[in-house]
Amino acid sequence: MARNRPRIPGSSGTVHPVTPWAEPVLRTACGTVTSFDDQLGRLVEDLFATMYAEDGVGLAANQIGVGLRVFVYDCPDDEDVRHLGHLVNPVLVEADGVRVRGEEGCLSLPGLRAQTPRWDRALVRGQDLDGAEVEVEGTGFFARCLQHETGHLDGGVFLDHLGGLRRLRAEREVRRASWYRPQA
């Protein structure tokens, strides 16, 4: 059943605080969405509103404290083609091509950026707000976004893809950040 939805994503949404890294909701795999109702539509609107307010290109539900498999995106690829949408219950089914190291950041790790290796192509399968099956394929920067957001829903952050000196430097930056709160 198609519902009336705003023409501009996020225009009727509420901006939420972004959950900082190390909170349990960010380090735990998110649950499957089973109800495709108005509440899910409101969550997607809130995700868009929050993503735009924070100047992001993608945002997962657990980044606003909701442990459900949902994310939104408004992200260009390497050819500056804009990709705008949402995915419910997304699963990364393919990530291949060339492995590229590129700068990556995260709204849950404000100010932190690192050269992070990602595949140059990604294919994600999920559902839309009505529960219909959808498939989204991305290359370049958009592929990076798809991998980043599905990673959040699996309980990860981009730091998990860093190794060696890059990881040590990033972890040191996290400990020095004003928003960092060590877990008890």
C-alpha atoms as a PDB file:
ATOM      1  CA  MET A   1       0.000   0.000   0.000  1.00  0.00           C
ATOM      2  CA  ALA A   2       1.521   3.303  -1.045  1.00  0.00           C
ATOM      3  CA  ARG A   3       1.246   6.041   1.523  1.00  0.00           C
ATOM      4  CA  ASN A   4       1.394   9.771   0.995  1.00  0.00           C
ATOM      5  CA  ARG A   5       5.006  10.715   1.441  1.00  0.00           C
ATOM      6  CA  PRO A   6       6.652  14.135   1.404  1.00  0.00           C
ATOM      7  CA  ARG A   7       8.157  15.147  -1.920  1.00  0.00           C
ATOM      8  CA  ILE A   8      11.395  16.292  -0.273  1.00  0.00           C
ATOM      9  CA  PRO A   9      12.890  13.570   1.941  1.00  0.00           C
ATOM     10  CA  GLY A  10      13.240  14.721   5.534  1.00  0.00           C
ATOM     11  CA  SER A  11      11.013  17.776   5.137  1.00  0.00           C
ATOM     12  CA  SER A  12       8.531  16.403   7.683  1.00  0.00           C
ATOM     13  CA  GLY A  13      11.120  14.664   9.860  1.00  0.00           C
ATOM     14  CA  THR A  14      12.535  15.470  13.265  1.00  0.00           C
ATOM     15  CA  VAL A  15      16.255  16.004  13.732  1.00  0.00           C
ATOM     16  CA  HIS A  16      17.684  13.673  16.378  1.00  0.00           C
ATOM     17  CA  PRO A  17      21.065  13.763  18.116  1.00  0.00           C
ATOM     18  CA  VAL A  18      23.580  11.468  16.446  1.00  0.00           C
ATOM     19  CA  THR A  19      24.661   8.616  18.698  1.00  0.00           C
ATOM     20  CA  PRO A  20      28.401   8.781  19.418  1.00  0.00           C
ATOM     21  CA  TRP A  21      30.687   5.840  18.766  1.00  0.00           C
ATOM     22  CA  ALA A  22      31.081   3.149  21.447  1.00  0.00           C
ATOM     23  CA  GLU A  23      27.426   3.319  22.520  1.00  0.00           C
ATOM     24  CA  PRO A  24      26.078  -0.255  22.611  1.00  0.00           C
ATOM     25  CA  VAL A  25      23.442   0.422  19.909  1.00  0.00           C
ATOM     26  CA  LEU A  26      26.280   1.172  17.447  1.00  0.00           C
ATOM     27  CA  ARG A  27      28.274  -1.937  18.329  1.00  0.00           C
ATOM     28  CA  THR A  28      25.350  -4.390  18.091  1.00  0.00           C
ATOM     29  CA  ALA A  29      23.789  -5.860  14.965  1.00  0.00           C
ATOM     30  CA  CYS A  30      20.411  -4.260  14.284  1.00  0.00           C
ATOM     31  CA  GLY A  31      17.110  -6.133  14.266  1.00  0.00           C
ATOM     32  CA  THR A  32      15.015  -6.921  11.216  1.00  0.00           C
ATOM     33  CA  VAL A  33      12.114  -4.617  10.391  1.00  0.00           C
ATOM     34  CA  THR A  34       8.856  -6.589  10.379  1.00  0.00           C
ATOM     35  CA  SER A  35       6.246  -3.797  10.406  1.00  0.00           C
ATOM     36  CA  PHE A  36       5.994  -1.683   7.271  1.00  0.00           C
ATOM     37  CA  ASP A  37       3.794   1.010   8.778  1.00  0.00           C
ATOM     38  CA  ASP A  38       3.620   4.743   9.392  1.00  0.00           C
ATOM     39  CA  GLN A  39       6.145   4.438  12.215  1.00  0.00           C
ATOM     40  CA  LEU A  40       8.723   3.113   9.734  1.00  0.00           C
ATOM     41  CA  GLY A  41       7.914   6.010   7.404  1.00  0.00           C
ATOM     42  CA  ARG A  42       8.493   8.459  10.274  1.00  0.00           C
ATOM     43  CA  LEU A  43      11.837   6.799  11.061  1.00  0.00           C
ATOM     44  CA  VAL A  44      12.987   7.227   7.455  1.00  0.00           C
ATOM     45  CA  GLU A  45      11.857  10.878   7.477  1.00  0.00           C
ATOM     46  CA  ASP A  46      13.728  11.463  10.757  1.00  0.00           C
ATOM     47  CA  LEU A  47      16.833   9.810   9.328  1.00  0.00           C
ATOM     48  CA  PHE A  48      16.770  12.085   6.286  1.00  0.00           C
ATOM     49  CA  ALA A  49      16.156  15.188   8.424  1.00  0.00           C
ATOM     50  CA  THR A  50      19.038  14.278  10.747  1.00  0.00           C
ATOM     51  CA  MET A  51      21.397  13.363   7.895  1.00  0.00           C
ATOM     52  CA  TYR A  52      20.763  16.695   6.160  1.00  0.00           C
ATOM     53  CA  ALA A  53      21.088  18.667   9.407  1.00  0.00           C
ATOM     54  CA  GLU A  54      24.473  17.024  10.023  1.00  0.00           C
ATOM     55  CA  ASP A  55      25.613  17.429   6.397  1.00  0.00           C
ATOM     56  CA  GLY A  56      26.003  13.683   5.852  1.00  0.00           C
ATOM     57  CA  VAL A  57      25.617  11.496   2.767  1.00  0.00           C
ATOM     58  CA  GLY A  58      24.173   8.489   4.610  1.00  0.00           C
ATOM     59  CA  LEU A  59      22.736   7.647   8.018  1.00  0.00           C
ATOM     60  CA  ALA A  60      21.810   4.346   9.659  1.00  0.00           C
ATOM     61  CA  ALA A  61      18.987   3.994  12.178  1.00  0.00           C
ATOM     62  CA  ASN A  62      21.305   2.950  15.002  1.00  0.00           C
ATOM     63  CA  GLN A  63      23.098   6.287  14.590  1.00  0.00           C
ATOM     64  CA  ILE A  64      20.012   7.909  16.104  1.00  0.00           C
ATOM     65  CA  GLY A  65      19.619   5.170  18.699  1.00  0.00           C
ATOM     66  CA  VAL A  66      17.158   2.919  16.849  1.00  0.00           C
ATOM     67  CA  GLY A  67      18.373  -0.670  16.535  1.00  0.00           C
ATOM     68  CA  LEU A  68      16.586  -1.515  13.277  1.00  0.00           C
ATOM     69  CA  ARG A  69      18.019  -2.383   9.839  1.00  0.00           C
ATOM     70  CA  VAL A  70      17.228   0.879   8.016  1.00  0.00           C
ATOM     71  CA  PHE A  71      19.419   3.490   6.375  1.00  0.00           C
ATOM     72  CA  VAL A  72      19.034   6.509   4.115  1.00  0.00           C
ATOM     73  CA  TYR A  73      21.414   8.050   1.605  1.00  0.00           C
ATOM     74  CA  ASP A  74      21.866  11.089  -0.597  1.00  0.00           C
ATOM     75  CA  CYS A  75      25.245  10.409  -2.099  1.00  0.00           C
ATOM     76  CA  PRO A  76      27.052  11.030  -5.387  1.00  0.00           C
ATOM     77  CA  ASP A  77      29.110   8.438  -7.177  1.00  0.00           C
ATOM     78  CA  ASP A  78      32.478   9.218  -8.749  1.00  0.00           C
ATOM     79  CA  GLU A  79      30.756  10.637 -11.855  1.00  0.00           C
ATOM     80  CA  ASP A  80      28.719  13.067  -9.685  1.00  0.00           C
ATOM     81  CA  VAL A  81      25.474  11.180 -10.309  1.00  0.00           C
ATOM     82  CA  ARG A  82      23.220  11.698  -7.274  1.00  0.00           C
ATOM     83  CA  HIS A  83      21.786   8.614  -5.559  1.00  0.00           C
ATOM     84  CA  LEU A  84      18.885   9.312  -3.184  1.00  0.00           C
ATOM     85  CA  GLY A  85      16.909   6.739  -1.258  1.00  0.00           C
ATOM     86  CA  HIS A  86      16.439   4.445   1.680  1.00  0.00           C
ATOM     87  CA  LEU A  87      16.819   0.740   2.352  1.00  0.00           C
ATOM     88  CA  VAL A  88      14.979  -1.399   4.869  1.00  0.00           C
ATOM     89  CA  ASN A  89      16.564  -4.697   5.948  1.00  0.00           C
ATOM     90  CA  PRO A  90      19.546  -4.186   3.631  1.00  0.00           C
ATOM     91  CA  VAL A  91      22.125  -6.887   3.101  1.00  0.00           C
ATOM     92  CA  LEU A  92      25.416  -6.349   1.295  1.00  0.00           C
ATOM     93  CA  VAL A  93      25.350  -9.210  -1.211  1.00  0.00           C
ATOM     94  CA  GLU A  94      28.339  -8.246  -3.373  1.00  0.00           C
ATOM     95  CA  ALA A  95      31.362  -6.052  -2.849  1.00  0.00           C
ATOM     96  CA  ASP A  96      34.011  -6.418  -5.494  1.00  0.00           C
ATOM     97  CA  GLY A  97      36.061  -4.748  -8.183  1.00  0.00           C
ATOM     98  CA  VAL A  98      39.142  -2.823  -7.184  1.00  0.00           C
ATOM     99  CA  ARG A  99      39.917  -2.244  -3.510  1.00  0.00           C
ATOM    100  CA  VAL A 100      40.349   1.530  -3.129  1.00  0.00           C
ATOM    101  CA  ARG A 101      41.664   3.447  -0.149  1.00  0.00           C
ATOM    102  CA  GLY A 102      39.710   6.683   0.233  1.00  0.00           C
ATOM    103  CA  GLU A 103      38.950   9.242   2.900  1.00  0.00           C
ATOM    104  CA  GLU A 104      36.036   8.236   5.073  1.00  0.00           C
ATOM    105  CA  GLY A 105      34.339   9.827   8.033  1.00  0.00           C
ATOM    106  CA  CYS A 106      31.287   9.148  10.148  1.00  0.00           C
ATOM    107  CA  LEU A 107      28.681  11.311  11.851  1.00  0.00           C
ATOM    108  CA  SER A 108      29.062   9.122  14.964  1.00  0.00           C
ATOM    109  CA  LEU A 109      32.802   9.865  15.006  1.00  0.00           C
ATOM    110  CA  PRO A 110      32.708  13.652  14.419  1.00  0.00           C
ATOM    111  CA  GLY A 111      35.890  15.162  13.060  1.00  0.00           C
ATOM    112  CA  LEU A 112      37.607  11.811  12.538  1.00  0.00           C
ATOM    113  CA  ARG A 113      38.623  10.913   8.991  1.00  0.00           C
ATOM    114  CA  ALA A 114      40.875   8.161   7.720  1.00  0.00           C
ATOM    115  CA  GLN A 115      41.989   6.557   4.477  1.00  0.00           C
ATOM    116  CA  THR A 116      39.811   3.447   4.548  1.00  0.00           C
ATOM    117  CA  PRO A 117      39.956   0.530   2.103  1.00  0.00           C
ATOM    118  CA  ARG A 118      36.650  -0.351   0.430  1.00  0.00           C
ATOM    119  CA  TRP A 119      35.572  -2.210  -2.683  1.00  0.00           C
ATOM    120  CA  ASP A 120      34.801  -0.011  -5.699  1.00  0.00           C
ATOM    121  CA  ARG A 121      31.477  -1.753  -6.399  1.00  0.00           C
ATOM    122  CA  ALA A 122      28.698  -2.794  -4.035  1.00  0.00           C
ATOM    123  CA  LEU A 123      25.314  -4.448  -4.440  1.00  0.00           C
ATOM    124  CA  VAL A 124      22.775  -4.233  -1.615  1.00  0.00           C
ATOM    125  CA  ARG A 125      19.400  -5.944  -1.455  1.00  0.00           C
ATOM    126  CA  GLY A 126      16.624  -4.884   0.849  1.00  0.00           C
ATOM    127  CA  GLN A 127      13.113  -3.513   0.895  1.00  0.00           C
ATOM    128  CA  ASP A 128      11.346  -0.187   0.513  1.00  0.00           C
ATOM    129  CA  LEU A 129       8.806   1.357   2.918  1.00  0.00           C
ATOM    130  CA  ASP A 130       6.063  -0.887   1.592  1.00  0.00           C
ATOM    131  CA  GLY A 131       8.106  -4.078   1.942  1.00  0.00           C
ATOM    132  CA  ALA A 132       8.771  -4.469  -1.786  1.00  0.00           C
ATOM    133  CA  GLU A 133      12.134  -6.003  -2.660  1.00  0.00           C
ATOM    134  CA  VAL A 134      14.717  -3.540  -4.015  1.00  0.00           C
ATOM    135  CA  GLU A 135      18.291  -3.818  -5.189  1.00  0.00           C
ATOM    136  CA  VAL A 136      20.756  -0.928  -5.194  1.00  0.00           C
ATOM    137  CA  GLU A 137      24.114  -1.062  -6.943  1.00  0.00           C
ATOM    138  CA  GLY A 138      26.804   1.551  -6.506  1.00  0.00           C
ATOM    139  CA  THR A 139      30.297   2.275  -7.700  1.00  0.00           C
ATOM    140  CA  GLY A 140      32.992   4.584  -6.449  1.00  0.00           C
ATOM    141  CA  PHE A 141      32.019   6.881  -3.579  1.00  0.00           C
ATOM    142  CA  PHE A 142      28.439   5.594  -3.596  1.00  0.00           C
ATOM    143  CA  ALA A 143      29.717   2.007  -3.208  1.00  0.00           C
ATOM    144  CA  ARG A 144      31.724   3.232  -0.210  1.00  0.00           C
ATOM    145  CA  CYS A 145      28.525   4.741   1.267  1.00  0.00           C
ATOM    146  CA  LEU A 146      26.545   1.510   0.782  1.00  0.00           C
ATOM    147  CA  GLN A 147      29.281  -0.537   2.482  1.00  0.00           C
ATOM    148  CA  HIS A 148      29.638   2.019   5.298  1.00  0.00           C
ATOM    149  CA  GLU A 149      25.910   2.120   6.131  1.00  0.00           C
ATOM    150  CA  THR A 150      25.326  -1.646   5.940  1.00  0.00           C
ATOM    151  CA  GLY A 151      28.392  -1.990   8.163  1.00  0.00           C
ATOM    152  CA  HIS A 152      26.700   0.204  10.778  1.00  0.00           C
ATOM    153  CA  LEU A 153      23.653  -2.044  10.762  1.00  0.00           C
ATOM    154  CA  ASP A 154      25.927  -5.048  11.374  1.00  0.00           C
ATOM    155  CA  GLY A 155      27.373  -3.306  14.456  1.00  0.00           C
ATOM    156  CA  GLY A 156      30.509  -1.859  12.882  1.00  0.00           C
ATOM    157  CA  VAL A 157      32.154   1.440  12.066  1.00  0.00           C
ATOM    158  CA  PHE A 158      34.733   2.365   9.455  1.00  0.00           C
ATOM    159  CA  LEU A 159      37.507   2.079  12.066  1.00  0.00           C
ATOM    160  CA  ASP A 160      37.002  -1.689  11.897  1.00  0.00           C
ATOM    161  CA  HIS A 161      38.446  -1.629   8.358  1.00  0.00           C
ATOM    162  CA  LEU A 162      41.653   0.126   9.347  1.00  0.00           C
ATOM    163  CA  GLY A 163      44.816  -1.698  10.200  1.00  0.00           C
ATOM    164  CA  GLY A 164      48.267  -1.035  11.592  1.00  0.00           C
ATOM    165  CA  LEU A 165      49.377   2.546  12.068  1.00  0.00           C
ATOM    166  CA  ARG A 166      46.169   4.005  10.558  1.00  0.00           C
ATOM    167  CA  ARG A 167      44.077   2.215  13.167  1.00  0.00           C
ATOM    168  CA  LEU A 168      46.372   3.218  16.041  1.00  0.00           C
ATOM    169  CA  ARG A 169      46.253   6.866  14.962  1.00  0.00           C
ATOM    170  CA  ALA A 170      42.460   6.802  14.589  1.00  0.00           C
ATOM    171  CA  GLU A 171      41.993   5.197  18.009  1.00  0.00           C
ATOM    172  CA  ARG A 172      44.263   7.833  19.568  1.00  0.00           C
ATOM    173  CA  GLU A 173      42.190  10.585  17.909  1.00  0.00           C
ATOM    174  CA  VAL A 174      39.006   8.995  19.284  1.00  0.00           C
ATOM    175  CA  ARG A 175      40.393   8.952  22.848  1.00  0.00           C
ATOM    176  CA  ARG A 176      41.328  12.637  22.524  1.00  0.00           C
ATOM    177  CA  ALA A 177      37.971  13.719  21.085  1.00  0.00           C
ATOM    178  CA  SER A 178      35.704  15.882  23.226  1.00  0.00           C
ATOM    179  CA  TRP A 179      32.728  13.583  22.544  1.00  0.00           C
ATOM    180  CA  TYR A 180      34.525  10.386  23.618  1.00  0.00           C
ATOM    181  CA  ARG A 181      33.192   8.628  26.710  1.00  0.00           C
ATOM    182  CA  PRO A 182      35.055   5.429  27.641  1.00  0.00           C
ATOM    183  CA  GLN A 183      32.807   2.484  28.397  1.00  0.00           C
ATOM    184  CA  ALA A 184      32.748   1.474  32.065  1.00  0.00           C
END
